[in-house]
């Protein structure tokens, strides 16, 4: 089996977020079979920002649902949205 790569937007609840720490928390809830390769901080609205993370994960997981389930374990998340995924 191969791997998939996905772009997932993760929106924190607060406008005052240290995104380096925020993404570290996301990394810590993922199993060893997954890796966050990069992330980009993007504006949402009214001072709120989101992290768009690029995640590599096992192909047998299919879409982004399983990755999103892991991310939901982190406190302080307002929303998670899978943007795109493809075979690596």
C-alpha atoms as a PDB file:
ATOM      1  CA  UNK A   1       0.000   0.000   0.000  1.00  0.00           C
ATOM      2  CA  UNK A   2       1.051   3.564  -0.597  1.00  0.00           C
ATOM      3  CA  UNK A   3       0.367   6.872   1.050  1.00  0.00           C
ATOM      4  CA  UNK A   4      -2.029   9.761   0.640  1.00  0.00           C
ATOM      5  CA  UNK A   5      -1.313  13.442   1.140  1.00  0.00           C
ATOM      6  CA  UNK A   6      -4.080  15.760   2.339  1.00  0.00           C
ATOM      7  CA  UNK A   7      -4.603  19.460   2.950  1.00  0.00           C
ATOM      8  CA  UNK A   8      -6.703  19.993   6.064  1.00  0.00           C
ATOM      9  CA  UNK A   9      -7.792  23.326   7.551  1.00  0.00           C
ATOM     10  CA  UNK A  10      -7.814  23.421  11.346  1.00  0.00           C
ATOM     11  CA  UNK A  11      -9.424  26.475  12.940  1.00  0.00           C
ATOM     12  CA  UNK A  12      -8.702  27.244  16.598  1.00  0.00           C
ATOM     13  CA  UNK A  13     -11.364  28.706  18.899  1.00  0.00           C
ATOM     14  CA  UNK A  14      -9.236  31.679  19.938  1.00  0.00           C
ATOM     15  CA  UNK A  15      -7.689  34.540  17.971  1.00  0.00           C
ATOM     16  CA  UNK A  16      -4.604  34.554  20.227  1.00  0.00           C
ATOM     17  CA  UNK A  17      -2.934  31.302  19.174  1.00  0.00           C
ATOM     18  CA  UNK A  18       0.711  30.348  18.959  1.00  0.00           C
ATOM     19  CA  UNK A  19       0.485  28.298  15.759  1.00  0.00           C
ATOM     20  CA  UNK A  20       3.789  26.534  16.306  1.00  0.00           C
ATOM     21  CA  UNK A  21       2.443  25.126  19.595  1.00  0.00           C
ATOM     22  CA  UNK A  22      -0.983  24.496  18.037  1.00  0.00           C
ATOM     23  CA  UNK A  23       0.482  22.408  15.192  1.00  0.00           C
ATOM     24  CA  UNK A  24       2.732  20.560  17.678  1.00  0.00           C
ATOM     25  CA  UNK A  25      -0.441  19.485  19.518  1.00  0.00           C
ATOM     26  CA  UNK A  26      -1.874  18.231  16.217  1.00  0.00           C
ATOM     27  CA  UNK A  27       1.335  16.281  15.534  1.00  0.00           C
ATOM     28  CA  UNK A  28       1.233  14.713  18.993  1.00  0.00           C
ATOM     29  CA  UNK A  29      -2.218  13.132  18.499  1.00  0.00           C
ATOM     30  CA  UNK A  30      -1.287  11.466  15.200  1.00  0.00           C
ATOM     31  CA  UNK A  31       0.011   7.879  15.152  1.00  0.00           C
ATOM     32  CA  UNK A  32       3.516   7.103  13.874  1.00  0.00           C
ATOM     33  CA  UNK A  33       2.085   6.219  10.434  1.00  0.00           C
ATOM     34  CA  UNK A  34       1.192   9.906   9.850  1.00  0.00           C
ATOM     35  CA  UNK A  35       3.250  13.036   9.534  1.00  0.00           C
ATOM     36  CA  UNK A  36       2.456  16.723   9.179  1.00  0.00           C
ATOM     37  CA  UNK A  37       4.883  17.761   6.449  1.00  0.00           C
ATOM     38  CA  UNK A  38       4.158  21.496   6.411  1.00  0.00           C
ATOM     39  CA  UNK A  39       1.609  24.029   7.522  1.00  0.00           C
ATOM     40  CA  UNK A  40       0.573  27.522   6.540  1.00  0.00           C
ATOM     41  CA  UNK A  41      -1.259  30.096   8.684  1.00  0.00           C
ATOM     42  CA  UNK A  42      -4.121  31.718   6.787  1.00  0.00           C
ATOM     43  CA  UNK A  43      -6.665  34.412   7.726  1.00  0.00           C
ATOM     44  CA  UNK A  44     -10.313  33.435   8.264  1.00  0.00           C
ATOM     45  CA  UNK A  45     -12.209  36.537   9.503  1.00  0.00           C
ATOM     46  CA  UNK A  46     -12.296  39.075  12.339  1.00  0.00           C
ATOM     47  CA  UNK A  47      -8.710  38.333  13.397  1.00  0.00           C
ATOM     48  CA  UNK A  48      -9.230  34.555  13.420  1.00  0.00           C
ATOM     49  CA  UNK A  49      -6.645  32.469  11.587  1.00  0.00           C
ATOM     50  CA  UNK A  50      -6.413  28.824  10.613  1.00  0.00           C
ATOM     51  CA  UNK A  51      -3.650  26.328  10.035  1.00  0.00           C
ATOM     52  CA  UNK A  52      -3.699  24.595   6.660  1.00  0.00           C
ATOM     53  CA  UNK A  53      -1.709  21.437   7.307  1.00  0.00           C
ATOM     54  CA  UNK A  54      -0.283  19.025   4.761  1.00  0.00           C
ATOM     55  CA  UNK A  55      -0.553  15.523   6.210  1.00  0.00           C
ATOM     56  CA  UNK A  56       0.892  12.281   4.816  1.00  0.00           C
ATOM     57  CA  UNK A  57      -1.003   9.171   5.958  1.00  0.00           C
ATOM     58  CA  UNK A  58      -1.618   5.505   4.973  1.00  0.00           C
ATOM     59  CA  UNK A  59      -3.533   4.989   1.729  1.00  0.00           C
ATOM     60  CA  UNK A  60      -5.847   2.396   3.292  1.00  0.00           C
ATOM     61  CA  UNK A  61      -7.436   5.188   5.373  1.00  0.00           C
ATOM     62  CA  UNK A  62      -8.974   6.608   2.193  1.00  0.00           C
ATOM     63  CA  UNK A  63     -10.292  10.154   2.706  1.00  0.00           C
ATOM     64  CA  UNK A  64      -9.408  12.529   5.505  1.00  0.00           C
ATOM     65  CA  UNK A  65     -11.987  11.356   8.078  1.00  0.00           C
ATOM     66  CA  UNK A  66      -9.550   9.333  10.178  1.00  0.00           C
ATOM     67  CA  UNK A  67      -6.981  12.150  10.323  1.00  0.00           C
ATOM     68  CA  UNK A  68      -9.752  14.580  11.289  1.00  0.00           C
ATOM     69  CA  UNK A  69     -10.826  12.223  14.114  1.00  0.00           C
ATOM     70  CA  UNK A  70      -7.307  12.373  15.561  1.00  0.00           C
ATOM     71  CA  UNK A  71      -7.251  16.181  15.308  1.00  0.00           C
ATOM     72  CA  UNK A  72     -10.563  16.398  17.195  1.00  0.00           C
ATOM     73  CA  UNK A  73      -8.710  15.066  20.267  1.00  0.00           C
ATOM     74  CA  UNK A  74      -6.978  18.446  20.606  1.00  0.00           C
ATOM     75  CA  UNK A  75      -8.780  20.957  22.832  1.00  0.00           C
ATOM     76  CA  UNK A  76      -9.527  24.441  21.520  1.00  0.00           C
ATOM     77  CA  UNK A  77     -10.499  23.559  17.954  1.00  0.00           C
ATOM     78  CA  UNK A  78     -13.469  25.343  16.402  1.00  0.00           C
ATOM     79  CA  UNK A  79     -13.489  23.489  13.105  1.00  0.00           C
ATOM     80  CA  UNK A  80     -11.716  21.002  10.860  1.00  0.00           C
ATOM     81  CA  UNK A  81     -12.212  20.727   7.130  1.00  0.00           C
ATOM     82  CA  UNK A  82     -10.546  18.407   4.643  1.00  0.00           C
ATOM     83  CA  UNK A  83      -9.700  20.504   1.573  1.00  0.00           C
ATOM     84  CA  UNK A  84      -8.081  17.952  -0.754  1.00  0.00           C
ATOM     85  CA  UNK A  85      -6.313  14.619  -0.763  1.00  0.00           C
ATOM     86  CA  UNK A  86      -4.473  12.556  -3.346  1.00  0.00           C
ATOM     87  CA  UNK A  87      -2.163   9.631  -3.687  1.00  0.00           C
ATOM     88  CA  UNK A  88       1.393  10.617  -2.758  1.00  0.00           C
END
